[in-house]
Amino acid sequence: MTLDNACLTYEGPAGERTRALDGVTLELSGGVTGVMGRTGSGKTTLLEVVAGATPLDSGRVRVEGRGATALVYQLPERQFFESTVEREVMFGLLARGAHSDDARGRAARALALMGLSLDELGARSPFSLSGGQQRRVAIASALALHPGLLLLDEPTAGLDPRARTSCLRAVRAAADAGATVIFASHDANALAEVADRLVVLEGGRLTLDGPARDLLADAPLMRAHGLEPACAARAAAALRCAGLDVPGAPLTADELAAAVARGRGCA
């Protein structure tokens, strides 16, 4: 996926013109790329442009490779339109010519990845589900396609810990299977677990781009861009200030525990 000098301006409620994307150039191939930025920085617009849902004013977007492009919005209920969960998750597969039995099997496996059961929820309306279940059904609908390009807007928002873990494992598995994943989120902790690369948008401009581990662990840099670093990185910094040896740059709770153990000579 390539964005070349992508520019997009929209008109606000008072008639003002705002640059949603301002000369963004980005090339992605495989792995999980996290996209962070303050509210209104252009994260959702970036996903919509890459998905082909919103045209650019100027510049170019190019999506290459095989497989579908799947976009999961931040409010998944806005993209539901089928009468049952089963029909919702199977829709994209059937539209692409899959046999109904194959589509049902893939739908069941995708839902299972998200901790849901087709047998239990398949006959229910997606609109009758809880917010967390709706989000998981929307992600399952995308995963069932085995997309070459998977675009996710705040996929972990509103999920309980178990569902969040299922979501992050499924995202990582999709990338490991060859998909290019773009994961827009305010959640540095989620990105710390799955992202290979991190880009930061400010006012529609690309202001940071680098290895996720390096950027998310750099608390002063993150805060300079109006973002909170991962909790483990903040905790490590606080422990060092208290005089404890915390080697390395832990980004997850498990990494922090291991670093503290090493610092105390326990590992």
C-alpha atoms as a PDB file:
ATOM      1  CA  MET A   1       0.000   0.000   0.000  1.00  0.00           C
ATOM      2  CA  THR A   2       1.379   3.386  -0.999  1.00  0.00           C
ATOM      3  CA  LEU A   3       0.228   6.920  -0.274  1.00  0.00           C
ATOM      4  CA  ASP A   4       2.024   9.562  -2.327  1.00  0.00           C
ATOM      5  CA  ASN A   5       1.634  13.189  -1.203  1.00  0.00           C
ATOM      6  CA  ALA A   6      -1.990  12.541  -0.176  1.00  0.00           C
ATOM      7  CA  CYS A   7      -3.998  15.715   0.417  1.00  0.00           C
ATOM      8  CA  LEU A   8      -7.632  16.052   1.436  1.00  0.00           C
ATOM      9  CA  THR A   9      -9.545  19.100   2.640  1.00  0.00           C
ATOM     10  CA  TYR A  10     -13.050  19.115   4.064  1.00  0.00           C
ATOM     11  CA  GLU A  11     -15.500  21.848   5.003  1.00  0.00           C
ATOM     12  CA  GLY A  12     -16.387  22.188   8.675  1.00  0.00           C
ATOM     13  CA  PRO A  13     -19.793  23.097  10.154  1.00  0.00           C
ATOM     14  CA  ALA A  14     -19.017  26.815  10.075  1.00  0.00           C
ATOM     15  CA  GLY A  15     -17.787  26.700   6.485  1.00  0.00           C
ATOM     16  CA  GLU A  16     -14.125  26.634   7.443  1.00  0.00           C
ATOM     17  CA  ARG A  17     -11.733  24.532   5.365  1.00  0.00           C
ATOM     18  CA  THR A  18      -9.652  21.971   7.260  1.00  0.00           C
ATOM     19  CA  ARG A  19      -6.809  19.856   5.970  1.00  0.00           C
ATOM     20  CA  ALA A  20      -7.647  16.270   6.947  1.00  0.00           C
ATOM     21  CA  LEU A  21      -4.528  14.965   5.187  1.00  0.00           C
ATOM     22  CA  ASP A  22      -1.681  17.256   4.298  1.00  0.00           C
ATOM     23  CA  GLY A  23       0.960  15.781   2.015  1.00  0.00           C
ATOM     24  CA  VAL A  24       1.071  12.324   3.604  1.00  0.00           C
ATOM     25  CA  THR A  25       3.510   9.931   1.968  1.00  0.00           C
ATOM     26  CA  LEU A  26       3.614   6.403   3.327  1.00  0.00           C
ATOM     27  CA  GLU A  27       4.546   2.957   2.030  1.00  0.00           C
ATOM     28  CA  LEU A  28       3.469  -0.205   3.864  1.00  0.00           C
ATOM     29  CA  SER A  29       3.972  -3.859   3.055  1.00  0.00           C
ATOM     30  CA  GLY A  30       3.053  -6.491   5.619  1.00  0.00           C
ATOM     31  CA  GLY A  31       3.110  -6.356   9.395  1.00  0.00           C
ATOM     32  CA  VAL A  32       1.063  -4.195  11.754  1.00  0.00           C
ATOM     33  CA  THR A  33       1.395  -0.428  11.495  1.00  0.00           C
ATOM     34  CA  GLY A  34      -0.091   1.545  14.353  1.00  0.00           C
ATOM     35  CA  VAL A  35      -1.478   5.003  13.646  1.00  0.00           C
ATOM     36  CA  MET A  36      -1.715   7.422  16.560  1.00  0.00           C
ATOM     37  CA  GLY A  37      -2.618  11.067  16.946  1.00  0.00           C
ATOM     38  CA  ARG A  38      -4.902  13.401  18.817  1.00  0.00           C
ATOM     39  CA  THR A  39      -8.627  13.399  18.055  1.00  0.00           C
ATOM     40  CA  GLY A  40      -9.076  15.063  14.660  1.00  0.00           C
ATOM     41  CA  SER A  41      -5.509  14.387  13.547  1.00  0.00           C
ATOM     42  CA  GLY A  42      -6.612  12.421  10.449  1.00  0.00           C
ATOM     43  CA  LYS A  43      -6.457   8.782  11.574  1.00  0.00           C
ATOM     44  CA  THR A  44      -9.940   7.768  10.388  1.00  0.00           C
ATOM     45  CA  THR A  45      -9.578   9.796   7.208  1.00  0.00           C
ATOM     46  CA  LEU A  46      -6.345   7.965   6.433  1.00  0.00           C
ATOM     47  CA  LEU A  47      -8.109   4.599   6.740  1.00  0.00           C
ATOM     48  CA  GLU A  48     -11.024   5.720   4.562  1.00  0.00           C
ATOM     49  CA  VAL A  49      -8.682   7.013   1.866  1.00  0.00           C
ATOM     50  CA  VAL A  50      -6.679   3.785   1.821  1.00  0.00           C
ATOM     51  CA  ALA A  51      -9.926   1.779   1.637  1.00  0.00           C
ATOM     52  CA  GLY A  52     -11.111   3.846  -1.341  1.00  0.00           C
ATOM     53  CA  ALA A  53     -14.125   5.139   0.601  1.00  0.00           C
ATOM     54  CA  THR A  54     -12.997   8.780   0.437  1.00  0.00           C
ATOM     55  CA  PRO A  55     -11.340  10.309  -2.638  1.00  0.00           C
ATOM     56  CA  LEU A  56      -8.261  12.510  -2.376  1.00  0.00           C
ATOM     57  CA  ASP A  57      -8.110  16.112  -3.546  1.00  0.00           C
ATOM     58  CA  SER A  58      -4.612  15.464  -4.810  1.00  0.00           C
ATOM     59  CA  GLY A  59      -1.900  12.860  -4.526  1.00  0.00           C
ATOM     60  CA  ARG A  60      -2.275   9.150  -5.058  1.00  0.00           C
ATOM     61  CA  VAL A  61      -3.180   5.996  -3.176  1.00  0.00           C
ATOM     62  CA  ARG A  62      -2.183   2.622  -4.571  1.00  0.00           C
ATOM     63  CA  VAL A  63      -3.114  -0.764  -3.139  1.00  0.00           C
ATOM     64  CA  GLU A  64      -1.268  -3.700  -4.639  1.00  0.00           C
ATOM     65  CA  GLY A  65      -1.251  -7.399  -4.000  1.00  0.00           C
ATOM     66  CA  ARG A  66      -3.903 -10.043  -3.748  1.00  0.00           C
ATOM     67  CA  GLY A  67      -6.806 -10.317  -1.350  1.00  0.00           C
ATOM     68  CA  ALA A  68      -9.630  -8.107  -0.211  1.00  0.00           C
ATOM     69  CA  THR A  69      -9.366  -4.776   1.548  1.00  0.00           C
ATOM     70  CA  ALA A  70     -11.419  -4.784   4.760  1.00  0.00           C
ATOM     71  CA  LEU A  71     -12.241  -1.686   6.824  1.00  0.00           C
ATOM     72  CA  VAL A  72     -13.714  -1.890  10.334  1.00  0.00           C
ATOM     73  CA  TYR A  73     -15.057   1.436  11.562  1.00  0.00           C
ATOM     74  CA  GLN A  74     -14.848   2.718  15.119  1.00  0.00           C
ATOM     75  CA  LEU A  75     -18.641   2.433  15.474  1.00  0.00           C
ATOM     76  CA  PRO A  76     -19.332  -1.024  13.992  1.00  0.00           C
ATOM     77  CA  GLU A  77     -23.109  -0.762  14.235  1.00  0.00           C
ATOM     78  CA  ARG A  78     -22.935   1.834  11.477  1.00  0.00           C
ATOM     79  CA  GLN A  79     -21.696  -0.762   9.023  1.00  0.00           C
ATOM     80  CA  PHE A  80     -24.176  -3.537   9.847  1.00  0.00           C
ATOM     81  CA  PHE A  81     -27.042  -4.087   7.450  1.00  0.00           C
ATOM     82  CA  GLU A  82     -27.887  -7.804   7.511  1.00  0.00           C
ATOM     83  CA  SER A  83     -30.670  -9.328   9.633  1.00  0.00           C
ATOM     84  CA  THR A  84     -28.530 -11.894  11.471  1.00  0.00           C
ATOM     85  CA  VAL A  85     -24.968 -12.261  12.688  1.00  0.00           C
ATOM     86  CA  GLU A  86     -24.485 -15.269  10.412  1.00  0.00           C
ATOM     87  CA  ARG A  87     -25.574 -13.359   7.315  1.00  0.00           C
ATOM     88  CA  GLU A  88     -23.476 -10.353   8.349  1.00  0.00           C
ATOM     89  CA  VAL A  89     -20.232 -12.293   8.696  1.00  0.00           C
ATOM     90  CA  MET A  90     -20.896 -14.359   5.576  1.00  0.00           C
ATOM     91  CA  PHE A  91     -21.931 -11.428   3.365  1.00  0.00           C
ATOM     92  CA  GLY A  92     -18.496 -10.486   2.035  1.00  0.00           C
ATOM     93  CA  LEU A  93     -17.582 -14.106   1.381  1.00  0.00           C
ATOM     94  CA  LEU A  94     -20.775 -14.816  -0.554  1.00  0.00           C
ATOM     95  CA  ALA A  95     -20.391 -11.578  -2.498  1.00  0.00           C
ATOM     96  CA  ARG A  96     -16.944 -12.769  -3.582  1.00  0.00           C
ATOM     97  CA  GLY A  97     -18.337 -16.073  -4.810  1.00  0.00           C
ATOM     98  CA  ALA A  98     -17.713 -18.442  -1.903  1.00  0.00           C
ATOM     99  CA  HIS A  99     -19.914 -21.510  -1.590  1.00  0.00           C
ATOM    100  CA  SER A 100     -22.392 -21.181   1.280  1.00  0.00           C
ATOM    101  CA  ASP A 101     -20.927 -24.119   3.234  1.00  0.00           C
ATOM    102  CA  ASP A 102     -17.401 -22.752   2.899  1.00  0.00           C
ATOM    103  CA  ALA A 103     -18.600 -19.274   3.842  1.00  0.00           C
ATOM    104  CA  ARG A 104     -20.340 -20.584   6.942  1.00  0.00           C
ATOM    105  CA  GLY A 105     -17.225 -22.474   8.020  1.00  0.00           C
ATOM    106  CA  ARG A 106     -15.005 -19.431   7.562  1.00  0.00           C
ATOM    107  CA  ALA A 107     -17.526 -17.257   9.400  1.00  0.00           C
ATOM    108  CA  ALA A 108     -17.560 -19.687  12.314  1.00  0.00           C
ATOM    109  CA  ARG A 109     -13.753 -19.733  12.502  1.00  0.00           C
ATOM    110  CA  ALA A 110     -13.504 -15.945  12.326  1.00  0.00           C
ATOM    111  CA  LEU A 111     -16.060 -15.530  15.107  1.00  0.00           C
ATOM    112  CA  ALA A 112     -14.223 -18.113  17.205  1.00  0.00           C
ATOM    113  CA  LEU A 113     -11.026 -16.087  16.829  1.00  0.00           C
ATOM    114  CA  MET A 114     -12.928 -13.208  18.413  1.00  0.00           C
ATOM    115  CA  GLY A 115     -14.253 -15.401  21.223  1.00  0.00           C
ATOM    116  CA  LEU A 116     -17.770 -15.709  19.788  1.00  0.00           C
ATOM    117  CA  SER A 117     -19.845 -18.713  18.727  1.00  0.00           C
ATOM    118  CA  LEU A 118     -21.759 -18.863  15.447  1.00  0.00           C
ATOM    119  CA  ASP A 119     -24.056 -21.504  16.937  1.00  0.00           C
ATOM    120  CA  GLU A 120     -24.939 -19.211  19.847  1.00  0.00           C
ATOM    121  CA  LEU A 121     -25.161 -15.855  18.065  1.00  0.00           C
ATOM    122  CA  GLY A 122     -25.664 -16.700  14.401  1.00  0.00           C
ATOM    123  CA  ALA A 123     -29.456 -16.294  14.390  1.00  0.00           C
ATOM    124  CA  ARG A 124     -29.465 -13.055  16.387  1.00  0.00           C
ATOM    125  CA  SER A 125     -29.645  -9.589  14.901  1.00  0.00           C
ATOM    126  CA  PRO A 126     -26.257  -7.866  15.091  1.00  0.00           C
ATOM    127  CA  PHE A 127     -28.110  -4.783  16.337  1.00  0.00           C
ATOM    128  CA  SER A 128     -29.285  -6.722  19.410  1.00  0.00           C
ATOM    129  CA  LEU A 129     -25.744  -7.422  20.624  1.00  0.00           C
ATOM    130  CA  SER A 130     -23.773  -5.525  23.238  1.00  0.00           C
ATOM    131  CA  GLY A 131     -21.328  -2.889  22.041  1.00  0.00           C
ATOM    132  CA  GLY A 132     -18.347  -5.184  22.618  1.00  0.00           C
ATOM    133  CA  GLN A 133     -20.004  -8.059  20.788  1.00  0.00           C
ATOM    134  CA  GLN A 134     -20.836  -5.781  17.855  1.00  0.00           C
ATOM    135  CA  ARG A 135     -17.223  -4.717  17.606  1.00  0.00           C
ATOM    136  CA  ARG A 136     -16.064  -8.334  17.612  1.00  0.00           C
ATOM    137  CA  VAL A 137     -18.620  -9.341  14.974  1.00  0.00           C
ATOM    138  CA  ALA A 138     -17.442  -6.474  12.746  1.00  0.00           C
ATOM    139  CA  ILE A 139     -13.816  -7.564  13.102  1.00  0.00           C
ATOM    140  CA  ALA A 140     -14.791 -11.187  12.450  1.00  0.00           C
ATOM    141  CA  SER A 141     -16.564 -10.101   9.254  1.00  0.00           C
ATOM    142  CA  ALA A 142     -13.284  -8.594   8.089  1.00  0.00           C
ATOM    143  CA  LEU A 143     -11.121 -11.521   9.207  1.00  0.00           C
ATOM    144  CA  ALA A 144     -13.369 -14.035   7.445  1.00  0.00           C
ATOM    145  CA  LEU A 145     -12.312 -12.507   4.110  1.00  0.00           C
ATOM    146  CA  HIS A 146      -8.631 -13.304   4.789  1.00  0.00           C
ATOM    147  CA  PRO A 147      -7.900  -9.746   3.632  1.00  0.00           C
ATOM    148  CA  GLY A 148      -4.643  -8.674   2.107  1.00  0.00           C
ATOM    149  CA  LEU A 149      -5.179  -5.230   3.655  1.00  0.00           C
ATOM    150  CA  LEU A 150      -6.931  -4.959   7.031  1.00  0.00           C
ATOM    151  CA  LEU A 151      -7.863  -1.476   8.281  1.00  0.00           C
ATOM    152  CA  LEU A 152      -8.979  -1.131  11.904  1.00  0.00           C
ATOM    153  CA  ASP A 153     -10.263   2.017  13.640  1.00  0.00           C
ATOM    154  CA  GLU A 154      -9.997   1.731  17.456  1.00  0.00           C
ATOM    155  CA  PRO A 155     -10.713  -2.024  17.402  1.00  0.00           C
ATOM    156  CA  THR A 156     -10.066  -2.566  21.122  1.00  0.00           C
ATOM    157  CA  ALA A 157     -12.271   0.289  22.367  1.00  0.00           C
ATOM    158  CA  GLY A 158     -14.973  -0.976  24.719  1.00  0.00           C
ATOM    159  CA  LEU A 159     -13.681  -4.543  24.871  1.00  0.00           C
ATOM    160  CA  ASP A 160     -13.264  -6.405  28.155  1.00  0.00           C
ATOM    161  CA  PRO A 161      -9.806  -7.883  28.873  1.00  0.00           C
ATOM    162  CA  ARG A 162     -10.586 -11.315  27.441  1.00  0.00           C
ATOM    163  CA  ALA A 163     -12.126  -9.923  24.248  1.00  0.00           C
ATOM    164  CA  ARG A 164      -9.255  -7.458  23.917  1.00  0.00           C
ATOM    165  CA  THR A 165      -6.755 -10.307  24.099  1.00  0.00           C
ATOM    166  CA  SER A 166      -8.682 -12.260  21.441  1.00  0.00           C
ATOM    167  CA  CYS A 167      -8.725  -9.190  19.195  1.00  0.00           C
ATOM    168  CA  LEU A 168      -4.998  -8.522  19.489  1.00  0.00           C
ATOM    169  CA  ARG A 169      -4.127 -12.169  18.885  1.00  0.00           C
ATOM    170  CA  ALA A 170      -6.324 -12.206  15.775  1.00  0.00           C
ATOM    171  CA  VAL A 171      -4.727  -9.009  14.474  1.00  0.00           C
ATOM    172  CA  ARG A 172      -1.234 -10.398  14.997  1.00  0.00           C
ATOM    173  CA  ALA A 173      -2.213 -13.702  13.364  1.00  0.00           C
ATOM    174  CA  ALA A 174      -3.581 -11.881  10.303  1.00  0.00           C
ATOM    175  CA  ALA A 175      -0.305 -10.008   9.897  1.00  0.00           C
ATOM    176  CA  ASP A 176       1.748 -13.158  10.425  1.00  0.00           C
ATOM    177  CA  ALA A 177      -0.330 -14.804   7.669  1.00  0.00           C
ATOM    178  CA  GLY A 178       0.714 -12.064   5.244  1.00  0.00           C
ATOM    179  CA  ALA A 179      -1.841  -9.274   5.645  1.00  0.00           C
ATOM    180  CA  THR A 180      -0.870  -5.618   5.827  1.00  0.00           C
ATOM    181  CA  VAL A 181      -2.642  -4.263   8.906  1.00  0.00           C
ATOM    182  CA  ILE A 182      -3.202  -0.587   9.685  1.00  0.00           C
ATOM    183  CA  PHE A 183      -4.355  -0.214  13.299  1.00  0.00           C
ATOM    184  CA  ALA A 184      -5.517   3.291  14.254  1.00  0.00           C
ATOM    185  CA  SER A 185      -5.812   3.760  17.997  1.00  0.00           C
ATOM    186  CA  HIS A 186      -5.327   5.994  21.024  1.00  0.00           C
ATOM    187  CA  ASP A 187      -4.377   2.853  22.981  1.00  0.00           C
ATOM    188  CA  ALA A 188      -0.594   2.756  23.239  1.00  0.00           C
ATOM    189  CA  ASN A 189      -0.820  -0.407  25.336  1.00  0.00           C
ATOM    190  CA  ALA A 190      -2.615  -2.310  22.559  1.00  0.00           C
ATOM    191  CA  LEU A 191      -0.152  -1.102  19.943  1.00  0.00           C
ATOM    192  CA  ALA A 192       2.738  -2.059  22.209  1.00  0.00           C
ATOM    193  CA  GLU A 193       1.545  -5.664  22.010  1.00  0.00           C
ATOM    194  CA  VAL A 194       1.087  -5.989  18.242  1.00  0.00           C
ATOM    195  CA  ALA A 195       2.548  -3.109  16.223  1.00  0.00           C
ATOM    196  CA  ASP A 196       5.773  -3.414  14.255  1.00  0.00           C
ATOM    197  CA  ARG A 197       5.778   0.179  13.066  1.00  0.00           C
ATOM    198  CA  LEU A 198       4.202   3.375  14.380  1.00  0.00           C
ATOM    199  CA  VAL A 199       3.203   6.536  12.564  1.00  0.00           C
ATOM    200  CA  VAL A 200       1.833   9.662  14.226  1.00  0.00           C
ATOM    201  CA  LEU A 201      -0.431  12.226  12.597  1.00  0.00           C
ATOM    202  CA  GLU A 202      -0.835  15.839  13.712  1.00  0.00           C
ATOM    203  CA  GLY A 203      -3.233  18.113  11.886  1.00  0.00           C
ATOM    204  CA  GLY A 204      -3.248  15.773   8.918  1.00  0.00           C
ATOM    205  CA  ARG A 205       0.535  15.697   8.634  1.00  0.00           C
ATOM    206  CA  LEU A 206       2.803  12.726   9.253  1.00  0.00           C
ATOM    207  CA  THR A 207       5.097  13.791  12.099  1.00  0.00           C
ATOM    208  CA  LEU A 208       6.598  10.520  13.366  1.00  0.00           C
ATOM    209  CA  ASP A 209       7.363   7.253  11.632  1.00  0.00           C
ATOM    210  CA  GLY A 210       9.539   4.501  13.024  1.00  0.00           C
ATOM    211  CA  PRO A 211       9.756   1.174  14.831  1.00  0.00           C
ATOM    212  CA  ALA A 212       6.836   0.920  17.254  1.00  0.00           C
ATOM    213  CA  ARG A 213       9.023  -0.360  20.073  1.00  0.00           C
ATOM    214  CA  ASP A 214      11.393   2.596  19.884  1.00  0.00           C
ATOM    215  CA  LEU A 215       8.700   5.271  19.716  1.00  0.00           C
ATOM    216  CA  LEU A 216       6.262   3.838  22.269  1.00  0.00           C
ATOM    217  CA  ALA A 217       9.040   3.435  24.833  1.00  0.00           C
ATOM    218  CA  ASP A 218      10.152   7.064  24.451  1.00  0.00           C
ATOM    219  CA  ALA A 219       7.899   8.790  26.971  1.00  0.00           C
ATOM    220  CA  PRO A 220       9.238  12.354  26.415  1.00  0.00           C
ATOM    221  CA  LEU A 221       8.871  12.021  22.640  1.00  0.00           C
ATOM    222  CA  MET A 222       5.344  10.645  22.897  1.00  0.00           C
ATOM    223  CA  ARG A 223       4.258  13.382  25.277  1.00  0.00           C
ATOM    224  CA  ALA A 224       5.822  16.017  23.039  1.00  0.00           C
ATOM    225  CA  HIS A 225       3.358  14.878  20.390  1.00  0.00           C
ATOM    226  CA  GLY A 226       0.400  14.953  22.776  1.00  0.00           C
ATOM    227  CA  LEU A 227       0.320  11.179  23.324  1.00  0.00           C
ATOM    228  CA  GLU A 228       0.654   8.934  26.350  1.00  0.00           C
ATOM    229  CA  PRO A 229       3.345   6.222  26.162  1.00  0.00           C
ATOM    230  CA  ALA A 230       2.535   2.636  27.038  1.00  0.00           C
ATOM    231  CA  CYS A 231       1.756   2.009  30.724  1.00  0.00           C
ATOM    232  CA  ALA A 232       4.736  -0.325  31.105  1.00  0.00           C
ATOM    233  CA  ALA A 233       7.061   2.372  29.773  1.00  0.00           C
ATOM    234  CA  ARG A 234       5.619   4.909  32.242  1.00  0.00           C
ATOM    235  CA  ALA A 235       5.927   2.433  35.097  1.00  0.00           C
ATOM    236  CA  ALA A 236       9.530   1.612  34.203  1.00  0.00           C
ATOM    237  CA  ALA A 237      10.399   5.307  34.224  1.00  0.00           C
ATOM    238  CA  ALA A 238       8.736   5.762  37.645  1.00  0.00           C
ATOM    239  CA  LEU A 239      10.565   2.756  39.081  1.00  0.00           C
ATOM    240  CA  ARG A 240      13.903   4.093  37.829  1.00  0.00           C
ATOM    241  CA  CYS A 241      13.141   7.438  39.464  1.00  0.00           C
ATOM    242  CA  ALA A 242      12.550   5.517  42.707  1.00  0.00           C
ATOM    243  CA  GLY A 243      16.011   4.015  42.396  1.00  0.00           C
ATOM    244  CA  LEU A 244      15.154   0.577  41.041  1.00  0.00           C
ATOM    245  CA  ASP A 245      17.199  -0.910  38.222  1.00  0.00           C
ATOM    246  CA  VAL A 246      14.851  -1.644  35.295  1.00  0.00           C
ATOM    247  CA  PRO A 247      16.969  -2.664  32.289  1.00  0.00           C
ATOM    248  CA  GLY A 248      15.836  -2.412  28.696  1.00  0.00           C
ATOM    249  CA  ALA A 249      12.696  -0.761  27.386  1.00  0.00           C
ATOM    250  CA  PRO A 250       9.706  -2.834  28.548  1.00  0.00           C
ATOM    251  CA  LEU A 251       6.445  -2.138  26.732  1.00  0.00           C
ATOM    252  CA  THR A 252       4.074  -4.746  28.161  1.00  0.00           C
ATOM    253  CA  ALA A 253       3.254  -5.917  31.678  1.00  0.00           C
ATOM    254  CA  ASP A 254       5.079  -9.210  31.101  1.00  0.00           C
ATOM    255  CA  GLU A 255       8.167  -7.412  29.804  1.00  0.00           C
ATOM    256  CA  LEU A 256       8.103  -5.036  32.786  1.00  0.00           C
ATOM    257  CA  ALA A 257       7.908  -7.909  35.272  1.00  0.00           C
ATOM    258  CA  ALA A 258      10.802  -9.670  33.547  1.00  0.00           C
ATOM    259  CA  ALA A 259      12.886  -6.466  33.502  1.00  0.00           C
ATOM    260  CA  VAL A 260      12.296  -5.840  37.210  1.00  0.00           C
ATOM    261  CA  ALA A 261      13.304  -9.439  37.954  1.00  0.00           C
ATOM    262  CA  ARG A 262      16.514  -9.033  35.941  1.00  0.00           C
ATOM    263  CA  GLY A 263      17.279  -5.771  37.695  1.00  0.00           C
ATOM    264  CA  ARG A 264      16.985  -7.503  41.063  1.00  0.00           C
ATOM    265  CA  GLY A 265      19.130 -10.429  39.904  1.00  0.00           C
ATOM    266  CA  CYS A 266      16.221 -12.856  39.919  1.00  0.00           C
ATOM    267  CA  ALA A 267      16.508 -13.916  36.291  1.00  0.00           C
END
